[in-house]
Amino acid sequence: MENSSKSVYRVAAVGVFAALVFVSNMVSIPIPVAIGDVSRIHLGNIFCLLSGFVLGPVGGGLAAGIGSALYDVTNPAYIASAPFTFVFKFLLAAVCGWVAYARHNQGANHKLNIFAAAAGSVTYIALYLGKAFVEGLLIGSEMGAVLTAVATKAATSGINGAIAVTVSVPLYAVVRTALKKSRLLDKVQRG
């Protein structure tokens, strides 16, 4: 019965974090891109990383992927990218979780958490920029326009990544303490 109870907590936590990711994506500043595309500075990646810290690689990846893909599906500018977003944001949180949970740390090592957040962010940025480059070429844009679009997206992604790392690591320390005090940490973290 205890395993069943823990599973219910984990599923509920994935849902709560997916909702946090979805809502935090709405707090954004759109940035026009050279080839008619749009990029944005937003708070979504903070909660993607937080999902990886709290729920581990799989649960955190699911929460980040689901919440971000749902945001894309509800926004006409991003709807076509929703499947890519699911995979890329899943990997953002999963890489963070894998590193934070390495060697049974369970996200408890603050220095490792900084590296985990940075590794997750760099993974996402590389995937996102690679997709932008390939997409630009596939739609037949001139190389200069493609590179300008990728550069603009690199700037906004770098800002998003820096904000996410800077905010998610101390936020996780606070959330972890609260979850430990409420005895929920063991119920939502991967076992």
N, C-alpha and C. Protein backbone atom coordinates (compact mmCIF):
# COMPACT_ATOMS: atom_id res chain seq x y z
N MET A 1 0.81 -1.19 0.00
CA MET A 1 0.00 0.00 0.00
C MET A 1 0.86 1.26 0.00
N GLU A 2 2.02 1.20 0.66
CA GLU A 2 2.90 2.37 0.75
C GLU A 2 3.41 2.78 -0.63
N ASN A 3 3.77 1.81 -1.48
CA ASN A 3 4.22 2.12 -2.84
C ASN A 3 3.12 2.78 -3.64
N SER A 4 1.90 2.30 -3.48
CA SER A 4 0.75 2.88 -4.19
C SER A 4 0.52 4.33 -3.76
N SER A 5 0.65 4.57 -2.47
CA SER A 5 0.49 5.93 -1.94
C SER A 5 1.57 6.86 -2.49
N LYS A 6 2.80 6.36 -2.54
CA LYS A 6 3.91 7.17 -3.06
C LYS A 6 3.67 7.48 -4.55
N SER A 7 3.15 6.52 -5.29
CA SER A 7 2.86 6.74 -6.71
C SER A 7 1.81 7.83 -6.90
N VAL A 8 0.81 7.85 -6.06
CA VAL A 8 -0.23 8.88 -6.14
C VAL A 8 0.38 10.25 -5.89
N TYR A 9 1.24 10.36 -4.88
CA TYR A 9 1.92 11.64 -4.60
C TYR A 9 2.77 12.08 -5.78
N ARG A 10 3.48 11.13 -6.39
CA ARG A 10 4.36 11.48 -7.52
C ARG A 10 3.55 11.94 -8.72
N VAL A 11 2.47 11.24 -9.03
CA VAL A 11 1.63 11.64 -10.16
C VAL A 11 1.04 13.02 -9.90
N ALA A 12 0.57 13.24 -8.68
CA ALA A 12 0.01 14.56 -8.34
C ALA A 12 1.08 15.64 -8.44
N ALA A 13 2.29 15.34 -7.98
CA ALA A 13 3.38 16.32 -8.04
C ALA A 13 3.75 16.64 -9.48
N VAL A 14 3.76 15.63 -10.36
CA VAL A 14 4.04 15.88 -11.78
C VAL A 14 2.98 16.82 -12.34
N GLY A 15 1.72 16.60 -11.99
CA GLY A 15 0.64 17.48 -12.44
C GLY A 15 0.78 18.90 -11.94
N VAL A 16 1.12 19.04 -10.66
CA VAL A 16 1.29 20.38 -10.07
C VAL A 16 2.45 21.10 -10.74
N PHE A 17 3.56 20.41 -10.94
CA PHE A 17 4.71 21.06 -11.57
C PHE A 17 4.45 21.35 -13.05
N ALA A 18 3.72 20.49 -13.73
CA ALA A 18 3.35 20.78 -15.13
C ALA A 18 2.52 22.06 -15.18
N ALA A 19 1.60 22.22 -14.22
CA ALA A 19 0.79 23.44 -14.16
C ALA A 19 1.66 24.67 -13.88
N LEU A 20 2.63 24.53 -12.98
CA LEU A 20 3.54 25.64 -12.70
C LEU A 20 4.35 26.02 -13.94
N VAL A 21 4.83 25.02 -14.67
CA VAL A 21 5.58 25.29 -15.90
C VAL A 21 4.69 25.99 -16.91
N PHE A 22 3.48 25.49 -17.09
CA PHE A 22 2.53 26.08 -18.04
C PHE A 22 2.28 27.56 -17.72
N VAL A 23 1.93 27.85 -16.48
CA VAL A 23 1.59 29.22 -16.08
C VAL A 23 2.82 30.13 -16.15
N SER A 24 3.97 29.64 -15.72
CA SER A 24 5.18 30.48 -15.74
C SER A 24 5.62 30.82 -17.16
N ASN A 25 5.26 29.99 -18.13
CA ASN A 25 5.55 30.31 -19.53
C ASN A 25 4.77 31.51 -20.02
N MET A 26 3.66 31.79 -19.38
CA MET A 26 2.83 32.93 -19.79
C MET A 26 3.45 34.27 -19.38
N VAL A 27 4.33 34.25 -18.42
CA VAL A 27 5.02 35.47 -18.00
C VAL A 27 6.22 35.63 -18.94
N SER A 28 6.02 36.43 -20.01
CA SER A 28 7.07 36.50 -21.02
C SER A 28 7.08 37.85 -21.74
N ILE A 29 8.22 38.10 -22.37
CA ILE A 29 8.41 39.27 -23.23
C ILE A 29 8.77 38.75 -24.61
N PRO A 30 7.86 38.93 -25.62
CA PRO A 30 8.17 38.43 -26.97
C PRO A 30 9.28 39.26 -27.64
N ILE A 31 10.13 38.57 -28.38
CA ILE A 31 11.23 39.20 -29.12
C ILE A 31 11.09 38.78 -30.58
N PRO A 32 10.86 39.73 -31.52
CA PRO A 32 10.77 39.36 -32.94
C PRO A 32 12.11 38.82 -33.46
N VAL A 33 12.02 37.88 -34.38
CA VAL A 33 13.21 37.25 -34.96
C VAL A 33 13.22 37.51 -36.46
N ALA A 34 14.40 37.54 -37.06
CA ALA A 34 14.60 37.96 -38.45
C ALA A 34 13.72 37.26 -39.48
N ILE A 35 13.48 35.98 -39.37
CA ILE A 35 12.76 35.27 -40.44
C ILE A 35 11.27 35.11 -40.12
N GLY A 36 10.70 36.10 -39.45
CA GLY A 36 9.27 36.09 -39.17
C GLY A 36 8.88 35.23 -37.98
N ASP A 37 9.83 34.69 -37.30
CA ASP A 37 9.59 33.85 -36.14
C ASP A 37 9.54 34.75 -34.90
N VAL A 38 9.36 34.14 -33.76
CA VAL A 38 9.35 34.90 -32.51
C VAL A 38 10.08 34.09 -31.45
N SER A 39 10.79 34.79 -30.60
CA SER A 39 11.44 34.20 -29.45
C SER A 39 10.93 34.99 -28.25
N ARG A 40 11.28 34.58 -27.05
CA ARG A 40 10.80 35.34 -25.90
C ARG A 40 11.64 35.09 -24.67
N ILE A 41 11.64 36.06 -23.81
CA ILE A 41 12.24 35.91 -22.50
C ILE A 41 11.08 35.56 -21.57
N HIS A 42 11.24 34.47 -20.83
CA HIS A 42 10.13 33.97 -20.00
C HIS A 42 10.65 33.30 -18.74
N LEU A 43 9.72 32.95 -17.86
CA LEU A 43 10.08 32.33 -16.59
C LEU A 43 9.89 30.81 -16.58
N GLY A 44 9.44 30.24 -17.68
CA GLY A 44 9.14 28.81 -17.73
C GLY A 44 10.30 27.90 -17.39
N ASN A 45 11.50 28.25 -17.82
CA ASN A 45 12.64 27.36 -17.58
C ASN A 45 13.01 27.25 -16.11
N ILE A 46 12.66 28.27 -15.32
CA ILE A 46 12.90 28.19 -13.87
C ILE A 46 12.16 26.98 -13.31
N PHE A 47 10.91 26.84 -13.70
CA PHE A 47 10.09 25.76 -13.15
C PHE A 47 10.37 24.43 -13.82
N CYS A 48 10.91 24.46 -15.04
CA CYS A 48 11.38 23.21 -15.65
C CYS A 48 12.54 22.65 -14.83
N LEU A 49 13.49 23.51 -14.49
CA LEU A 49 14.62 23.07 -13.67
C LEU A 49 14.17 22.66 -12.28
N LEU A 50 13.27 23.43 -11.69
CA LEU A 50 12.76 23.08 -10.36
C LEU A 50 12.08 21.71 -10.39
N SER A 51 11.39 21.40 -11.48
CA SER A 51 10.77 20.08 -11.64
C SER A 51 11.83 18.99 -11.61
N GLY A 52 12.92 19.21 -12.32
CA GLY A 52 14.01 18.24 -12.33
C GLY A 52 14.62 18.05 -10.96
N PHE A 53 14.78 19.14 -10.23
CA PHE A 53 15.33 19.06 -8.87
C PHE A 53 14.41 18.29 -7.93
N VAL A 54 13.14 18.64 -7.93
CA VAL A 54 12.21 18.06 -6.96
C VAL A 54 11.82 16.63 -7.34
N LEU A 55 11.53 16.40 -8.61
CA LEU A 55 10.95 15.13 -9.04
C LEU A 55 11.95 14.17 -9.66
N GLY A 56 13.18 14.60 -9.85
CA GLY A 56 14.16 13.74 -10.48
C GLY A 56 14.03 13.79 -12.00
N PRO A 57 14.85 13.01 -12.70
CA PRO A 57 14.90 13.13 -14.16
C PRO A 57 13.60 12.76 -14.89
N VAL A 58 12.95 11.68 -14.51
CA VAL A 58 11.76 11.25 -15.26
C VAL A 58 10.54 12.08 -14.89
N GLY A 59 10.23 12.17 -13.60
CA GLY A 59 9.08 12.97 -13.18
C GLY A 59 9.24 14.44 -13.53
N GLY A 60 10.44 14.97 -13.30
CA GLY A 60 10.71 16.36 -13.65
C GLY A 60 10.65 16.60 -15.15
N GLY A 61 11.18 15.65 -15.91
CA GLY A 61 11.12 15.76 -17.36
C GLY A 61 9.69 15.74 -17.87
N LEU A 62 8.88 14.86 -17.31
CA LEU A 62 7.47 14.81 -17.72
C LEU A 62 6.75 16.12 -17.39
N ALA A 63 6.96 16.63 -16.18
CA ALA A 63 6.30 17.88 -15.78
C ALA A 63 6.73 19.02 -16.69
N ALA A 64 8.03 19.14 -16.96
CA ALA A 64 8.54 20.22 -17.80
C ALA A 64 8.05 20.07 -19.24
N GLY A 65 8.10 18.86 -19.76
CA GLY A 65 7.65 18.63 -21.13
C GLY A 65 6.16 18.85 -21.31
N ILE A 66 5.36 18.32 -20.41
CA ILE A 66 3.90 18.46 -20.50
C ILE A 66 3.49 19.92 -20.35
N GLY A 67 3.99 20.60 -19.32
CA GLY A 67 3.62 21.99 -19.09
C GLY A 67 4.02 22.90 -20.23
N SER A 68 5.22 22.70 -20.77
CA SER A 68 5.70 23.54 -21.87
C SER A 68 4.95 23.24 -23.18
N ALA A 69 4.71 21.96 -23.45
CA ALA A 69 3.99 21.59 -24.67
C ALA A 69 2.54 22.10 -24.61
N LEU A 70 1.93 22.04 -23.44
CA LEU A 70 0.57 22.58 -23.30
C LEU A 70 0.55 24.08 -23.57
N TYR A 71 1.58 24.78 -23.11
CA TYR A 71 1.67 26.21 -23.41
C TYR A 71 1.73 26.41 -24.93
N ASP A 72 2.57 25.65 -25.59
CA ASP A 72 2.69 25.78 -27.05
C ASP A 72 1.37 25.49 -27.76
N VAL A 73 0.66 24.48 -27.30
CA VAL A 73 -0.61 24.11 -27.94
C VAL A 73 -1.65 25.22 -27.78
N THR A 74 -1.55 25.99 -26.73
CA THR A 74 -2.53 27.07 -26.50
C THR A 74 -2.12 28.39 -27.13
N ASN A 75 -0.97 28.43 -27.79
CA ASN A 75 -0.48 29.67 -28.40
C ASN A 75 -0.27 29.44 -29.90
N PRO A 76 -1.04 30.10 -30.75
CA PRO A 76 -0.93 29.86 -32.21
C PRO A 76 0.48 30.05 -32.76
N ALA A 77 1.29 30.91 -32.15
CA ALA A 77 2.64 31.14 -32.65
C ALA A 77 3.55 29.93 -32.44
N TYR A 78 3.19 29.06 -31.50
CA TYR A 78 4.08 27.95 -31.14
C TYR A 78 3.47 26.57 -31.34
N ILE A 79 2.23 26.48 -31.76
CA ILE A 79 1.53 25.19 -31.78
C ILE A 79 2.27 24.12 -32.59
N ALA A 80 2.88 24.49 -33.69
CA ALA A 80 3.59 23.51 -34.52
C ALA A 80 4.85 22.98 -33.84
N SER A 81 5.36 23.72 -32.88
CA SER A 81 6.59 23.31 -32.19
C SER A 81 6.33 22.46 -30.95
N ALA A 82 5.08 22.23 -30.60
CA ALA A 82 4.76 21.54 -29.36
C ALA A 82 5.47 20.19 -29.19
N PRO A 83 5.53 19.33 -30.22
CA PRO A 83 6.24 18.05 -30.02
C PRO A 83 7.73 18.23 -29.72
N PHE A 84 8.36 19.18 -30.42
CA PHE A 84 9.78 19.47 -30.14
C PHE A 84 9.94 20.03 -28.74
N THR A 85 9.03 20.93 -28.38
CA THR A 85 9.09 21.54 -27.06
C THR A 85 8.98 20.47 -25.98
N PHE A 86 8.07 19.53 -26.16
CA PHE A 86 7.93 18.46 -25.17
C PHE A 86 9.27 17.75 -24.97
N VAL A 87 9.91 17.35 -26.05
CA VAL A 87 11.17 16.60 -25.96
C VAL A 87 12.29 17.48 -25.40
N PHE A 88 12.42 18.70 -25.91
CA PHE A 88 13.51 19.56 -25.48
C PHE A 88 13.38 19.96 -24.00
N LYS A 89 12.17 20.30 -23.56
CA LYS A 89 11.98 20.69 -22.15
C LYS A 89 12.06 19.46 -21.25
N PHE A 90 11.60 18.31 -21.74
CA PHE A 90 11.79 17.08 -20.98
C PHE A 90 13.28 16.90 -20.70
N LEU A 91 14.11 17.05 -21.73
CA LEU A 91 15.55 16.86 -21.57
C LEU A 91 16.18 17.94 -20.70
N LEU A 92 15.66 19.17 -20.76
CA LEU A 92 16.14 20.25 -19.88
C LEU A 92 16.03 19.81 -18.42
N ALA A 93 14.84 19.36 -18.02
CA ALA A 93 14.62 18.95 -16.63
C ALA A 93 15.30 17.62 -16.32
N ALA A 94 15.28 16.69 -17.29
CA ALA A 94 15.87 15.38 -17.05
C ALA A 94 17.38 15.47 -16.83
N VAL A 95 18.07 16.24 -17.64
CA VAL A 95 19.52 16.41 -17.45
C VAL A 95 19.80 17.04 -16.09
N CYS A 96 19.02 18.04 -15.75
CA CYS A 96 19.15 18.66 -14.42
C CYS A 96 18.96 17.61 -13.33
N GLY A 97 17.90 16.83 -13.44
CA GLY A 97 17.62 15.79 -12.45
C GLY A 97 18.70 14.72 -12.40
N TRP A 98 19.17 14.28 -13.57
CA TRP A 98 20.22 13.25 -13.60
C TRP A 98 21.48 13.72 -12.87
N VAL A 99 21.87 14.96 -13.14
CA VAL A 99 23.08 15.48 -12.50
C VAL A 99 22.84 15.71 -11.01
N ALA A 100 21.72 16.31 -10.65
CA ALA A 100 21.43 16.60 -9.23
C ALA A 100 21.30 15.32 -8.40
N TYR A 101 20.85 14.24 -9.03
CA TYR A 101 20.66 12.98 -8.31
C TYR A 101 21.83 12.03 -8.46
N ALA A 102 22.90 12.47 -9.13
CA ALA A 102 24.07 11.61 -9.34
C ALA A 102 24.64 11.16 -8.00
N ARG A 103 25.09 9.93 -7.97
CA ARG A 103 25.73 9.35 -6.77
C ARG A 103 24.84 9.49 -5.53
N HIS A 104 23.57 9.30 -5.73
CA HIS A 104 22.57 9.28 -4.63
C HIS A 104 22.51 10.59 -3.85
N ASN A 105 22.80 11.71 -4.51
CA ASN A 105 22.73 13.01 -3.82
C ASN A 105 21.30 13.45 -3.56
N GLN A 106 20.33 12.94 -4.34
CA GLN A 106 18.92 13.31 -4.18
C GLN A 106 18.71 14.82 -4.20
N GLY A 107 19.54 15.53 -4.95
CA GLY A 107 19.39 16.98 -5.06
C GLY A 107 19.84 17.75 -3.83
N ALA A 108 20.62 17.12 -2.96
CA ALA A 108 21.00 17.75 -1.70
C ALA A 108 22.33 18.52 -1.76
N ASN A 109 23.10 18.39 -2.83
CA ASN A 109 24.40 19.03 -2.94
C ASN A 109 24.25 20.35 -3.71
N HIS A 110 24.37 21.48 -3.01
CA HIS A 110 24.13 22.79 -3.60
C HIS A 110 25.07 23.08 -4.79
N LYS A 111 26.34 22.79 -4.64
CA LYS A 111 27.29 23.04 -5.74
C LYS A 111 26.96 22.18 -6.96
N LEU A 112 26.62 20.93 -6.71
CA LEU A 112 26.23 20.05 -7.81
C LEU A 112 24.94 20.55 -8.46
N ASN A 113 24.04 21.12 -7.67
CA ASN A 113 22.79 21.65 -8.21
C ASN A 113 23.02 22.82 -9.16
N ILE A 114 24.00 23.64 -8.86
CA ILE A 114 24.34 24.74 -9.78
C ILE A 114 24.78 24.16 -11.12
N PHE A 115 25.66 23.16 -11.06
CA PHE A 115 26.11 22.51 -12.28
C PHE A 115 24.95 21.81 -12.99
N ALA A 116 24.07 21.17 -12.23
CA ALA A 116 22.91 20.47 -12.80
C ALA A 116 22.01 21.44 -13.57
N ALA A 117 21.72 22.59 -12.97
CA ALA A 117 20.87 23.59 -13.62
C ALA A 117 21.55 24.11 -14.89
N ALA A 118 22.84 24.37 -14.81
CA ALA A 118 23.57 24.86 -15.99
C ALA A 118 23.60 23.79 -17.09
N ALA A 119 23.82 22.54 -16.71
CA ALA A 119 23.86 21.46 -17.71
C ALA A 119 22.50 21.30 -18.39
N GLY A 120 21.43 21.36 -17.62
CA GLY A 120 20.09 21.27 -18.21
C GLY A 120 19.83 22.42 -19.16
N SER A 121 20.20 23.62 -18.75
CA SER A 121 19.98 24.80 -19.59
C SER A 121 20.79 24.75 -20.88
N VAL A 122 22.05 24.33 -20.79
CA VAL A 122 22.90 24.24 -21.98
C VAL A 122 22.36 23.17 -22.93
N THR A 123 21.88 22.07 -22.39
CA THR A 123 21.28 21.03 -23.23
C THR A 123 20.11 21.59 -24.02
N TYR A 124 19.22 22.29 -23.31
CA TYR A 124 18.05 22.86 -23.98
C TYR A 124 18.46 23.88 -25.04
N ILE A 125 19.38 24.77 -24.70
CA ILE A 125 19.79 25.82 -25.64
C ILE A 125 20.38 25.20 -26.91
N ALA A 126 21.21 24.18 -26.76
CA ALA A 126 21.80 23.52 -27.94
C ALA A 126 20.72 22.90 -28.82
N LEU A 127 19.77 22.23 -28.22
CA LEU A 127 18.68 21.62 -29.00
C LEU A 127 17.82 22.68 -29.68
N TYR A 128 17.48 23.72 -28.95
CA TYR A 128 16.62 24.79 -29.47
C TYR A 128 17.28 25.53 -30.63
N LEU A 129 18.56 25.86 -30.47
CA LEU A 129 19.27 26.57 -31.54
C LEU A 129 19.51 25.67 -32.75
N GLY A 130 19.78 24.40 -32.52
CA GLY A 130 19.93 23.47 -33.62
C GLY A 130 18.65 23.36 -34.43
N LYS A 131 17.53 23.28 -33.75
CA LYS A 131 16.22 23.23 -34.43
C LYS A 131 15.98 24.52 -35.22
N ALA A 132 16.29 25.66 -34.62
CA ALA A 132 16.08 26.95 -35.30
C ALA A 132 16.92 27.03 -36.57
N PHE A 133 18.15 26.55 -36.50
CA PHE A 133 19.03 26.58 -37.66
C PHE A 133 18.49 25.68 -38.78
N VAL A 134 18.16 24.46 -38.45
CA VAL A 134 17.64 23.51 -39.45
C VAL A 134 16.32 24.01 -40.03
N GLU A 135 15.43 24.51 -39.18
CA GLU A 135 14.15 25.04 -39.65
C GLU A 135 14.35 26.19 -40.64
N GLY A 136 15.26 27.09 -40.30
CA GLY A 136 15.55 28.22 -41.19
C GLY A 136 16.01 27.77 -42.55
N LEU A 137 16.86 26.76 -42.58
CA LEU A 137 17.35 26.23 -43.86
C LEU A 137 16.24 25.51 -44.62
N LEU A 138 15.41 24.76 -43.89
CA LEU A 138 14.34 24.00 -44.54
C LEU A 138 13.27 24.88 -45.17
N ILE A 139 13.03 26.05 -44.59
CA ILE A 139 12.02 26.93 -45.19
C ILE A 139 12.61 27.79 -46.29
N GLY A 140 13.91 27.63 -46.55
CA GLY A 140 14.54 28.30 -47.69
C GLY A 140 15.02 29.70 -47.42
N SER A 141 15.22 30.05 -46.18
CA SER A 141 15.73 31.39 -45.86
C SER A 141 17.19 31.52 -46.24
N GLU A 142 17.60 32.74 -46.53
CA GLU A 142 19.01 33.01 -46.81
C GLU A 142 19.84 32.72 -45.56
N MET A 143 21.07 32.31 -45.76
CA MET A 143 21.94 31.95 -44.64
C MET A 143 22.10 33.12 -43.66
N GLY A 144 22.21 34.34 -44.17
CA GLY A 144 22.35 35.51 -43.29
C GLY A 144 21.13 35.67 -42.39
N ALA A 145 19.94 35.48 -42.93
CA ALA A 145 18.71 35.59 -42.14
C ALA A 145 18.64 34.47 -41.11
N VAL A 146 19.05 33.28 -41.51
CA VAL A 146 19.03 32.14 -40.58
C VAL A 146 19.99 32.40 -39.42
N LEU A 147 21.19 32.86 -39.75
CA LEU A 147 22.17 33.12 -38.69
C LEU A 147 21.74 34.26 -37.78
N THR A 148 21.09 35.29 -38.36
CA THR A 148 20.57 36.39 -37.53
C THR A 148 19.48 35.87 -36.60
N ALA A 149 18.59 35.03 -37.11
CA ALA A 149 17.53 34.45 -36.29
C ALA A 149 18.11 33.59 -35.17
N VAL A 150 19.10 32.77 -35.52
CA VAL A 150 19.73 31.91 -34.51
C VAL A 150 20.45 32.77 -33.46
N ALA A 151 21.10 33.84 -33.89
CA ALA A 151 21.80 34.72 -32.94
C ALA A 151 20.80 35.38 -31.99
N THR A 152 19.66 35.82 -32.52
CA THR A 152 18.64 36.43 -31.67
C THR A 152 18.11 35.41 -30.67
N LYS A 153 17.84 34.21 -31.16
CA LYS A 153 17.35 33.15 -30.27
C LYS A 153 18.42 32.74 -29.26
N ALA A 154 19.69 32.79 -29.66
CA ALA A 154 20.78 32.47 -28.73
C ALA A 154 20.82 33.49 -27.60
N ALA A 155 20.61 34.76 -27.94
CA ALA A 155 20.62 35.80 -26.91
C ALA A 155 19.46 35.62 -25.94
N THR A 156 18.25 35.41 -26.46
CA THR A 156 17.11 35.24 -25.56
C THR A 156 17.23 33.94 -24.77
N SER A 157 17.72 32.88 -25.40
CA SER A 157 17.88 31.61 -24.68
C SER A 157 18.95 31.73 -23.60
N GLY A 158 20.01 32.46 -23.90
CA GLY A 158 21.05 32.67 -22.90
C GLY A 158 20.52 33.44 -21.69
N ILE A 159 19.70 34.46 -21.96
CA ILE A 159 19.08 35.22 -20.86
C ILE A 159 18.15 34.31 -20.07
N ASN A 160 17.30 33.55 -20.78
CA ASN A 160 16.40 32.62 -20.10
C ASN A 160 17.18 31.61 -19.26
N GLY A 161 18.26 31.08 -19.82
CA GLY A 161 19.07 30.11 -19.10
C GLY A 161 19.72 30.70 -17.86
N ALA A 162 20.27 31.92 -18.00
CA ALA A 162 20.90 32.57 -16.84
C ALA A 162 19.88 32.84 -15.74
N ILE A 163 18.71 33.34 -16.14
CA ILE A 163 17.66 33.59 -15.15
C ILE A 163 17.25 32.28 -14.48
N ALA A 164 17.06 31.24 -15.29
CA ALA A 164 16.60 29.95 -14.75
C ALA A 164 17.60 29.37 -13.75
N VAL A 165 18.87 29.39 -14.08
CA VAL A 165 19.89 28.85 -13.16
C VAL A 165 19.96 29.70 -11.90
N THR A 166 19.98 31.01 -12.08
CA THR A 166 20.11 31.92 -10.94
C THR A 166 18.95 31.81 -9.97
N VAL A 167 17.74 31.60 -10.48
CA VAL A 167 16.55 31.56 -9.61
C VAL A 167 16.24 30.14 -9.13
N SER A 168 16.39 29.14 -9.99
CA SER A 168 15.95 27.78 -9.63
C SER A 168 16.76 27.15 -8.51
N VAL A 169 18.05 27.39 -8.47
CA VAL A 169 18.88 26.74 -7.45
C VAL A 169 18.52 27.22 -6.04
N PRO A 170 18.48 28.53 -5.77
CA PRO A 170 18.07 28.93 -4.42
C PRO A 170 16.59 28.64 -4.14
N LEU A 171 15.75 28.72 -5.17
CA LEU A 171 14.34 28.40 -4.99
C LEU A 171 14.19 26.93 -4.59
N TYR A 172 14.96 26.06 -5.23
CA TYR A 172 14.91 24.64 -4.87
C TYR A 172 15.35 24.43 -3.42
N ALA A 173 16.36 25.15 -2.97
CA ALA A 173 16.80 25.01 -1.57
C ALA A 173 15.65 25.32 -0.62
N VAL A 174 14.88 26.35 -0.92
CA VAL A 174 13.74 26.72 -0.09
C VAL A 174 12.64 25.67 -0.18
N VAL A 175 12.32 25.25 -1.41
CA VAL A 175 11.26 24.26 -1.62
C VAL A 175 11.65 22.93 -0.97
N ARG A 176 12.90 22.54 -1.11
CA ARG A 176 13.37 21.28 -0.51
C ARG A 176 13.20 21.31 1.00
N THR A 177 13.57 22.42 1.62
CA THR A 177 13.41 22.56 3.07
C THR A 177 11.94 22.44 3.47
N ALA A 178 11.07 23.11 2.74
CA ALA A 178 9.64 23.05 3.04
C ALA A 178 9.09 21.64 2.86
N LEU A 179 9.51 20.96 1.79
CA LEU A 179 9.04 19.59 1.55
C LEU A 179 9.55 18.63 2.62
N LYS A 180 10.77 18.85 3.10
CA LYS A 180 11.30 18.00 4.17
C LYS A 180 10.51 18.21 5.45
N LYS A 181 10.22 19.46 5.79
CA LYS A 181 9.48 19.75 7.02
C LYS A 181 8.07 19.17 6.98
N SER A 182 7.47 19.18 5.79
CA SER A 182 6.11 18.66 5.66
C SER A 182 6.09 17.15 5.43
N ARG A 183 7.27 16.53 5.39
CA ARG A 183 7.43 15.10 5.16
C ARG A 183 6.92 14.65 3.80
N LEU A 184 6.92 15.56 2.83
CA LEU A 184 6.50 15.23 1.47
C LEU A 184 7.68 14.93 0.55
N LEU A 185 8.88 15.31 0.94
CA LEU A 185 10.03 15.15 0.05
C LEU A 185 10.22 13.70 -0.39
N ASP A 186 10.19 12.77 0.56
CA ASP A 186 10.38 11.36 0.22
C ASP A 186 9.24 10.81 -0.62
N LYS A 187 8.06 11.44 -0.53
CA LYS A 187 6.90 10.94 -1.27
C LYS A 187 6.91 11.41 -2.72
N VAL A 188 7.57 12.54 -3.02
CA VAL A 188 7.55 13.06 -4.39
C VAL A 188 8.84 12.81 -5.14
N GLN A 189 9.97 12.66 -4.42
CA GLN A 189 11.24 12.40 -5.10
C GLN A 189 11.28 10.98 -5.61
N ARG A 190 12.09 10.80 -6.65
CA ARG A 190 12.25 9.45 -7.15
C ARG A 190 12.96 8.62 -6.08
N GLY A 191 12.64 7.34 -6.03
CA GLY A 191 13.16 6.48 -4.97
C GLY A 191 14.50 5.91 -5.24
